Amino acid sequence: MNIRFILIMLCLVVTTFAKAEITLPKIFSNEMVLQRESDVLLYGWADPNEEFTIYTSWNDEIVAVKTGNDAKWQISVKTP
């Protein structure tokens, strides 16, 4: 077999598994309003033990999150 073909197939397989499946409850949506000057609990589901980041535009911060073995995650963020 051609080594180039094998490398291309390997790259396709690796990128297929690298896709994150992060979901949020339906209460979180575009253009939603959050209570100001408070701690807001964000939560959802992803693959077990998956690591990802959440970007909060109001304070330009990135927060690291990791799911547990039950595939659930939650984080509290401060609003201005």
PDB file of N, CA and C in Angstrom:
ATOM      1  N   MET A   1       0.837  -1.194   0.000  1.00  0.00           N
ATOM      2  CA  MET A   1       0.000   0.000   0.000  1.00  0.00           C
ATOM      3  C   MET A   1       0.877   1.252   0.000  1.00  0.00           C
ATOM      4  N   ASN A   2       0.305   2.278  -0.485  1.00  0.00           N
ATOM      5  CA  ASN A   2       0.982   3.558  -0.542  1.00  0.00           C
ATOM      6  C   ASN A   2       1.025   4.182   0.856  1.00  0.00           C
ATOM      7  N   ILE A   3       2.173   4.635   1.296  1.00  0.00           N
ATOM      8  CA  ILE A   3       2.328   5.232   2.625  1.00  0.00           C
ATOM      9  C   ILE A   3       1.510   6.515   2.756  1.00  0.00           C
ATOM     10  N   ARG A   4       1.363   7.256   1.693  1.00  0.00           N
ATOM     11  CA  ARG A   4       0.571   8.489   1.709  1.00  0.00           C
ATOM     12  C   ARG A   4      -0.891   8.171   2.000  1.00  0.00           C
ATOM     13  N   PHE A   5      -1.422   7.128   1.378  1.00  0.00           N
ATOM     14  CA  PHE A   5      -2.801   6.709   1.605  1.00  0.00           C
ATOM     15  C   PHE A   5      -3.003   6.319   3.074  1.00  0.00           C
ATOM     16  N   ILE A   6      -2.059   5.597   3.627  1.00  0.00           N
ATOM     17  CA  ILE A   6      -2.162   5.161   5.022  1.00  0.00           C
ATOM     18  C   ILE A   6      -2.147   6.372   5.965  1.00  0.00           C
ATOM     19  N   LEU A   7      -1.295   7.345   5.690  1.00  0.00           N
ATOM     20  CA  LEU A   7      -1.243   8.545   6.524  1.00  0.00           C
ATOM     21  C   LEU A   7      -2.526   9.354   6.433  1.00  0.00           C
ATOM     22  N   ILE A   8      -3.087   9.465   5.253  1.00  0.00           N
ATOM     23  CA  ILE A   8      -4.346  10.196   5.082  1.00  0.00           C
ATOM     24  C   ILE A   8      -5.466   9.503   5.845  1.00  0.00           C
ATOM     25  N   MET A   9      -5.549   8.192   5.747  1.00  0.00           N
ATOM     26  CA  MET A   9      -6.586   7.449   6.461  1.00  0.00           C
ATOM     27  C   MET A   9      -6.411   7.580   7.971  1.00  0.00           C
ATOM     28  N   LEU A  10      -5.183   7.558   8.448  1.00  0.00           N
ATOM     29  CA  LEU A  10      -4.916   7.714   9.871  1.00  0.00           C
ATOM     30  C   LEU A  10      -5.356   9.096  10.361  1.00  0.00           C
ATOM     31  N   CYS A  11      -5.086  10.128   9.582  1.00  0.00           N
ATOM     32  CA  CYS A  11      -5.508  11.486   9.946  1.00  0.00           C
ATOM     33  C   CYS A  11      -7.029  11.600  10.001  1.00  0.00           C
ATOM     34  N   LEU A  12      -7.706  10.975   9.060  1.00  0.00           N
ATOM     35  CA  LEU A  12      -9.170  10.998   9.058  1.00  0.00           C
ATOM     36  C   LEU A  12      -9.741  10.301  10.291  1.00  0.00           C
ATOM     37  N   VAL A  13      -9.177   9.201  10.663  1.00  0.00           N
ATOM     38  CA  VAL A  13      -9.653   8.474  11.841  1.00  0.00           C
ATOM     39  C   VAL A  13      -9.422   9.293  13.103  1.00  0.00           C
ATOM     40  N   VAL A  14      -8.262   9.904  13.238  1.00  0.00           N
ATOM     41  CA  VAL A  14      -7.941  10.695  14.426  1.00  0.00           C
ATOM     42  C   VAL A  14      -8.861  11.906  14.527  1.00  0.00           C
ATOM     43  N   THR A  15      -9.116  12.613  13.443  1.00  0.00           N
ATOM     44  CA  THR A  15      -9.979  13.790  13.501  1.00  0.00           C
ATOM     45  C   THR A  15     -11.424  13.408  13.760  1.00  0.00           C
ATOM     46  N   THR A  16     -11.840  12.240  13.379  1.00  0.00           N
ATOM     47  CA  THR A  16     -13.198  11.789  13.654  1.00  0.00           C
ATOM     48  C   THR A  16     -13.398  11.617  15.155  1.00  0.00           C
ATOM     49  N   PHE A  17     -12.421  11.086  15.852  1.00  0.00           N
ATOM     50  CA  PHE A  17     -12.536  10.872  17.286  1.00  0.00           C
ATOM     51  C   PHE A  17     -12.321  12.148  18.086  1.00  0.00           C
ATOM     52  N   ALA A  18     -11.749  13.181  17.514  1.00  0.00           N
ATOM     53  CA  ALA A  18     -11.432  14.407  18.239  1.00  0.00           C
ATOM     54  C   ALA A  18     -12.623  15.359  18.351  1.00  0.00           C
ATOM     55  N   LYS A  19     -13.742  15.041  17.744  1.00  0.00           N
ATOM     56  CA  LYS A  19     -14.908  15.924  17.765  1.00  0.00           C
ATOM     57  C   LYS A  19     -15.554  15.924  19.145  1.00  0.00           C
ATOM     58  N   ALA A  20     -15.752  17.108  19.711  1.00  0.00           N
ATOM     59  CA  ALA A  20     -16.380  17.236  21.023  1.00  0.00           C
ATOM     60  C   ALA A  20     -17.896  17.282  20.878  1.00  0.00           C
ATOM     61  N   GLU A  21     -18.583  16.619  21.778  1.00  0.00           N
ATOM     62  CA  GLU A  21     -20.045  16.610  21.801  1.00  0.00           C
ATOM     63  C   GLU A  21     -20.506  17.242  23.108  1.00  0.00           C
ATOM     64  N   ILE A  22     -20.465  18.563  23.176  1.00  0.00           N
ATOM     65  CA  ILE A  22     -20.856  19.295  24.371  1.00  0.00           C
ATOM     66  C   ILE A  22     -22.287  19.776  24.183  1.00  0.00           C
ATOM     67  N   THR A  23     -23.158  19.478  25.146  1.00  0.00           N
ATOM     68  CA  THR A  23     -24.548  19.908  25.051  1.00  0.00           C
ATOM     69  C   THR A  23     -24.935  20.696  26.293  1.00  0.00           C
ATOM     70  N   LEU A  24     -25.872  21.612  26.096  1.00  0.00           N
ATOM     71  CA  LEU A  24     -26.401  22.451  27.165  1.00  0.00           C
ATOM     72  C   LEU A  24     -27.907  22.231  27.269  1.00  0.00           C
ATOM     73  N   PRO A  25     -28.500  22.515  28.430  1.00  0.00           N
ATOM     74  CA  PRO A  25     -29.956  22.453  28.529  1.00  0.00           C
ATOM     75  C   PRO A  25     -30.587  23.499  27.620  1.00  0.00           C
ATOM     76  N   LYS A  26     -31.815  23.307  27.259  1.00  0.00           N
ATOM     77  CA  LYS A  26     -32.499  24.226  26.339  1.00  0.00           C
ATOM     78  C   LYS A  26     -32.717  25.622  26.929  1.00  0.00           C
ATOM     79  N   ILE A  27     -32.560  25.776  28.245  1.00  0.00           N
ATOM     80  CA  ILE A  27     -32.731  27.118  28.826  1.00  0.00           C
ATOM     81  C   ILE A  27     -31.608  28.059  28.429  1.00  0.00           C
ATOM     82  N   PHE A  28     -30.458  27.529  28.021  1.00  0.00           N
ATOM     83  CA  PHE A  28     -29.362  28.349  27.525  1.00  0.00           C
ATOM     84  C   PHE A  28     -29.528  28.516  26.022  1.00  0.00           C
ATOM     85  N   SER A  29     -29.587  29.776  25.564  1.00  0.00           N
ATOM     86  CA  SER A  29     -29.793  30.019  24.138  1.00  0.00           C
ATOM     87  C   SER A  29     -29.089  31.310  23.724  1.00  0.00           C
ATOM     88  N   ASN A  30     -29.121  31.586  22.428  1.00  0.00           N
ATOM     89  CA  ASN A  30     -28.536  32.827  21.910  1.00  0.00           C
ATOM     90  C   ASN A  30     -29.283  34.026  22.459  1.00  0.00           C
ATOM     91  N   GLU A  31     -28.543  35.070  22.749  1.00  0.00           N
ATOM     92  CA  GLU A  31     -29.077  36.351  23.208  1.00  0.00           C
ATOM     93  C   GLU A  31     -29.865  36.258  24.504  1.00  0.00           C
ATOM     94  N   MET A  32     -29.568  35.247  25.323  1.00  0.00           N
ATOM     95  CA  MET A  32     -30.231  35.162  26.624  1.00  0.00           C
ATOM     96  C   MET A  32     -29.663  36.218  27.553  1.00  0.00           C
ATOM     97  N   VAL A  33     -30.395  36.580  28.581  1.00  0.00           N
ATOM     98  CA  VAL A  33     -29.986  37.604  29.531  1.00  0.00           C
ATOM     99  C   VAL A  33     -29.647  36.923  30.849  1.00  0.00           C
ATOM    100  N   LEU A  34     -28.502  37.298  31.423  1.00  0.00           N
ATOM    101  CA  LEU A  34     -28.085  36.770  32.705  1.00  0.00           C
ATOM    102  C   LEU A  34     -28.215  37.855  33.768  1.00  0.00           C
ATOM    103  N   GLN A  35     -28.477  37.465  34.994  1.00  0.00           N
ATOM    104  CA  GLN A  35     -28.565  38.408  36.109  1.00  0.00           C
ATOM    105  C   GLN A  35     -27.217  39.083  36.305  1.00  0.00           C
ATOM    106  N   ARG A  36     -27.203  40.382  36.400  1.00  0.00           N
ATOM    107  CA  ARG A  36     -25.940  41.084  36.598  1.00  0.00           C
ATOM    108  C   ARG A  36     -25.500  41.009  38.051  1.00  0.00           C
ATOM    109  N   GLU A  37     -24.178  41.210  38.253  1.00  0.00           N
ATOM    110  CA  GLU A  37     -23.553  41.193  39.570  1.00  0.00           C
ATOM    111  C   GLU A  37     -23.937  39.949  40.374  1.00  0.00           C
ATOM    112  N   SER A  38     -23.811  38.798  39.747  1.00  0.00           N
ATOM    113  CA  SER A  38     -24.143  37.548  40.435  1.00  0.00           C
ATOM    114  C   SER A  38     -23.255  36.417  39.925  1.00  0.00           C
ATOM    115  N   ASP A  39     -23.348  35.292  40.587  1.00  0.00           N
ATOM    116  CA  ASP A  39     -22.687  34.074  40.130  1.00  0.00           C
ATOM    117  C   ASP A  39     -23.719  33.256  39.364  1.00  0.00           C
ATOM    118  N   VAL A  40     -23.416  32.945  38.128  1.00  0.00           N
ATOM    119  CA  VAL A  40     -24.332  32.193  37.272  1.00  0.00           C
ATOM    120  C   VAL A  40     -23.789  30.784  37.092  1.00  0.00           C
ATOM    121  N   LEU A  41     -24.633  29.796  37.325  1.00  0.00           N
ATOM    122  CA  LEU A  41     -24.240  28.407  37.165  1.00  0.00           C
ATOM    123  C   LEU A  41     -24.502  27.959  35.733  1.00  0.00           C
ATOM    124  N   LEU A  42     -23.438  27.574  35.034  1.00  0.00           N
ATOM    125  CA  LEU A  42     -23.550  27.000  33.696  1.00  0.00           C
ATOM    126  C   LEU A  42     -23.312  25.501  33.840  1.00  0.00           C
ATOM    127  N   TYR A  43     -24.079  24.692  33.132  1.00  0.00           N
ATOM    128  CA  TYR A  43     -23.937  23.248  33.254  1.00  0.00           C
ATOM    129  C   TYR A  43     -24.397  22.560  31.979  1.00  0.00           C
ATOM    130  N   GLY A  44     -24.030  21.310  31.854  1.00  0.00           N
ATOM    131  CA  GLY A  44     -24.409  20.549  30.672  1.00  0.00           C
ATOM    132  C   GLY A  44     -23.775  19.174  30.687  1.00  0.00           C
ATOM    133  N   TRP A  45     -23.614  18.606  29.500  1.00  0.00           N
ATOM    134  CA  TRP A  45     -23.102  17.256  29.340  1.00  0.00           C
ATOM    135  C   TRP A  45     -22.066  17.211  28.229  1.00  0.00           C
ATOM    136  N   ALA A  46     -21.152  16.298  28.336  1.00  0.00           N
ATOM    137  CA  ALA A  46     -20.126  16.051  27.316  1.00  0.00           C
ATOM    138  C   ALA A  46     -19.670  14.610  27.493  1.00  0.00           C
ATOM    139  N   ASP A  47     -18.672  14.210  26.759  1.00  0.00           N
ATOM    140  CA  ASP A  47     -18.134  12.868  26.938  1.00  0.00           C
ATOM    141  C   ASP A  47     -17.484  12.753  28.316  1.00  0.00           C
ATOM    142  N   PRO A  48     -17.498  11.578  28.932  1.00  0.00           N
ATOM    143  CA  PRO A  48     -16.856  11.403  30.241  1.00  0.00           C
ATOM    144  C   PRO A  48     -15.382  11.819  30.218  1.00  0.00           C
ATOM    145  N   ASN A  49     -14.987  12.554  31.247  1.00  0.00           N
ATOM    146  CA  ASN A  49     -13.608  13.027  31.429  1.00  0.00           C
ATOM    147  C   ASN A  49     -13.098  13.905  30.290  1.00  0.00           C
ATOM    148  N   GLU A  50     -13.988  14.571  29.596  1.00  0.00           N
ATOM    149  CA  GLU A  50     -13.583  15.469  28.505  1.00  0.00           C
ATOM    150  C   GLU A  50     -13.202  16.837  29.061  1.00  0.00           C
ATOM    151  N   GLU A  51     -12.174  17.434  28.492  1.00  0.00           N
ATOM    152  CA  GLU A  51     -11.734  18.769  28.876  1.00  0.00           C
ATOM    153  C   GLU A  51     -12.046  19.750  27.755  1.00  0.00           C
ATOM    154  N   PHE A  52     -12.576  20.929  28.121  1.00  0.00           N
ATOM    155  CA  PHE A  52     -12.862  21.974  27.144  1.00  0.00           C
ATOM    156  C   PHE A  52     -12.841  23.314  27.849  1.00  0.00           C
ATOM    157  N   THR A  53     -13.000  24.407  27.110  1.00  0.00           N
ATOM    158  CA  THR A  53     -12.987  25.739  27.698  1.00  0.00           C
ATOM    159  C   THR A  53     -14.275  26.475  27.383  1.00  0.00           C
ATOM    160  N   ILE A  54     -14.615  27.401  28.261  1.00  0.00           N
ATOM    161  CA  ILE A  54     -15.770  28.281  28.064  1.00  0.00           C
ATOM    162  C   ILE A  54     -15.252  29.704  28.053  1.00  0.00           C
ATOM    163  N   TYR A  55     -15.680  30.476  27.064  1.00  0.00           N
ATOM    164  CA  TYR A  55     -15.266  31.871  26.930  1.00  0.00           C
ATOM    165  C   TYR A  55     -16.421  32.774  27.360  1.00  0.00           C
ATOM    166  N   THR A  56     -16.171  33.684  28.312  1.00  0.00           N
ATOM    167  CA  THR A  56     -17.177  34.653  28.731  1.00  0.00           C
ATOM    168  C   THR A  56     -16.799  36.007  28.138  1.00  0.00           C
ATOM    169  N   SER A  57     -17.649  36.510  27.266  1.00  0.00           N
ATOM    170  CA  SER A  57     -17.321  37.729  26.515  1.00  0.00           C
ATOM    171  C   SER A  57     -17.369  38.987  27.367  1.00  0.00           C
ATOM    172  N   TRP A  58     -18.155  39.003  28.436  1.00  0.00           N
ATOM    173  CA  TRP A  58     -18.290  40.217  29.230  1.00  0.00           C
ATOM    174  C   TRP A  58     -17.037  40.551  30.027  1.00  0.00           C
ATOM    175  N   ASN A  59     -16.210  39.556  30.335  1.00  0.00           N
ATOM    176  CA  ASN A  59     -14.961  39.855  31.041  1.00  0.00           C
ATOM    177  C   ASN A  59     -13.741  39.305  30.292  1.00  0.00           C
ATOM    178  N   ASP A  60     -13.968  38.817  29.088  1.00  0.00           N
ATOM    179  CA  ASP A  60     -12.898  38.344  28.210  1.00  0.00           C
ATOM    180  C   ASP A  60     -12.031  37.275  28.878  1.00  0.00           C
ATOM    181  N   GLU A  61     -12.693  36.322  29.580  1.00  0.00           N
ATOM    182  CA  GLU A  61     -11.972  35.264  30.270  1.00  0.00           C
ATOM    183  C   GLU A  61     -12.285  33.898  29.658  1.00  0.00           C
ATOM    184  N   ILE A  62     -11.339  33.002  29.791  1.00  0.00           N
ATOM    185  CA  ILE A  62     -11.514  31.617  29.359  1.00  0.00           C
ATOM    186  C   ILE A  62     -11.402  30.737  30.600  1.00  0.00           C
ATOM    187  N   VAL A  63     -12.405  29.884  30.802  1.00  0.00           N
ATOM    188  CA  VAL A  63     -12.447  29.021  31.980  1.00  0.00           C
ATOM    189  C   VAL A  63     -12.333  27.569  31.513  1.00  0.00           C
ATOM    190  N   ALA A  64     -11.437  26.815  32.134  1.00  0.00           N
ATOM    191  CA  ALA A  64     -11.268  25.401  31.799  1.00  0.00           C
ATOM    192  C   ALA A  64     -12.291  24.563  32.564  1.00  0.00           C
ATOM    193  N   VAL A  65     -12.855  23.573  31.876  1.00  0.00           N
ATOM    194  CA  VAL A  65     -13.866  22.691  32.465  1.00  0.00           C
ATOM    195  C   VAL A  65     -13.497  21.248  32.127  1.00  0.00           C
ATOM    196  N   LYS A  66     -13.777  20.341  33.063  1.00  0.00           N
ATOM    197  CA  LYS A  66     -13.580  18.918  32.803  1.00  0.00           C
ATOM    198  C   LYS A  66     -14.793  18.172  33.327  1.00  0.00           C
ATOM    199  N   THR A  67     -15.340  17.287  32.510  1.00  0.00           N
ATOM    200  CA  THR A  67     -16.487  16.502  32.941  1.00  0.00           C
ATOM    201  C   THR A  67     -16.037  15.388  33.871  1.00  0.00           C
ATOM    202  N   GLY A  68     -16.982  14.896  34.644  1.00  0.00           N
ATOM    203  CA  GLY A  68     -16.704  13.765  35.512  1.00  0.00           C
ATOM    204  C   GLY A  68     -16.943  12.455  34.775  1.00  0.00           C
ATOM    205  N   ASN A  69     -16.876  11.369  35.510  1.00  0.00           N
ATOM    206  CA  ASN A  69     -17.136  10.053  34.918  1.00  0.00           C
ATOM    207  C   ASN A  69     -18.580   9.910  34.459  1.00  0.00           C
ATOM    208  N   ASP A  70     -19.487  10.726  35.031  1.00  0.00           N
ATOM    209  CA  ASP A  70     -20.900  10.663  34.659  1.00  0.00           C
ATOM    210  C   ASP A  70     -21.236  11.549  33.464  1.00  0.00           C
ATOM    211  N   ALA A  71     -20.242  12.177  32.854  1.00  0.00           N
ATOM    212  CA  ALA A  71     -20.367  13.015  31.655  1.00  0.00           C
ATOM    213  C   ALA A  71     -21.039  14.361  31.934  1.00  0.00           C
ATOM    214  N   LYS A  72     -21.239  14.727  33.193  1.00  0.00           N
ATOM    215  CA  LYS A  72     -21.840  16.016  33.540  1.00  0.00           C
ATOM    216  C   LYS A  72     -20.754  17.018  33.891  1.00  0.00           C
ATOM    217  N   TRP A  73     -21.048  18.296  33.647  1.00  0.00           N
ATOM    218  CA  TRP A  73     -20.127  19.370  34.034  1.00  0.00           C
ATOM    219  C   TRP A  73     -20.934  20.552  34.512  1.00  0.00           C
ATOM    220  N   GLN A  74     -20.300  21.371  35.354  1.00  0.00           N
ATOM    221  CA  GLN A  74     -20.901  22.631  35.778  1.00  0.00           C
ATOM    222  C   GLN A  74     -19.800  23.580  36.211  1.00  0.00           C
ATOM    223  N   ILE A  75     -20.076  24.857  36.046  1.00  0.00           N
ATOM    224  CA  ILE A  75     -19.123  25.890  36.434  1.00  0.00           C
ATOM    225  C   ILE A  75     -19.899  27.144  36.803  1.00  0.00           C
ATOM    226  N   SER A  76     -19.408  27.873  37.778  1.00  0.00           N
ATOM    227  CA  SER A  76     -20.028  29.125  38.188  1.00  0.00           C
ATOM    228  C   SER A  76     -19.173  30.269  37.662  1.00  0.00           C
ATOM    229  N   VAL A  77     -19.819  31.231  37.002  1.00  0.00           N
ATOM    230  CA  VAL A  77     -19.104  32.397  36.461  1.00  0.00           C
ATOM    231  C   VAL A  77     -19.725  33.671  37.021  1.00  0.00           C
ATOM    232  N   LYS A  78     -18.886  34.671  37.254  1.00  0.00           N
ATOM    233  CA  LYS A  78     -19.365  35.964  37.762  1.00  0.00           C
ATOM    234  C   LYS A  78     -19.778  36.866  36.596  1.00  0.00           C
ATOM    235  N   THR A  79     -20.861  37.590  36.787  1.00  0.00           N
ATOM    236  CA  THR A  79     -21.301  38.557  35.782  1.00  0.00           C
ATOM    237  C   THR A  79     -21.028  39.966  36.313  1.00  0.00           C
ATOM    238  N   PRO A  80     -20.766  40.915  35.415  1.00  0.00           N
ATOM    239  CA  PRO A  80     -20.460  42.287  35.854  1.00  0.00           C
ATOM    240  C   PRO A  80     -21.702  43.023  36.336  1.00  0.00           C
TER     241      PRO A  80
END
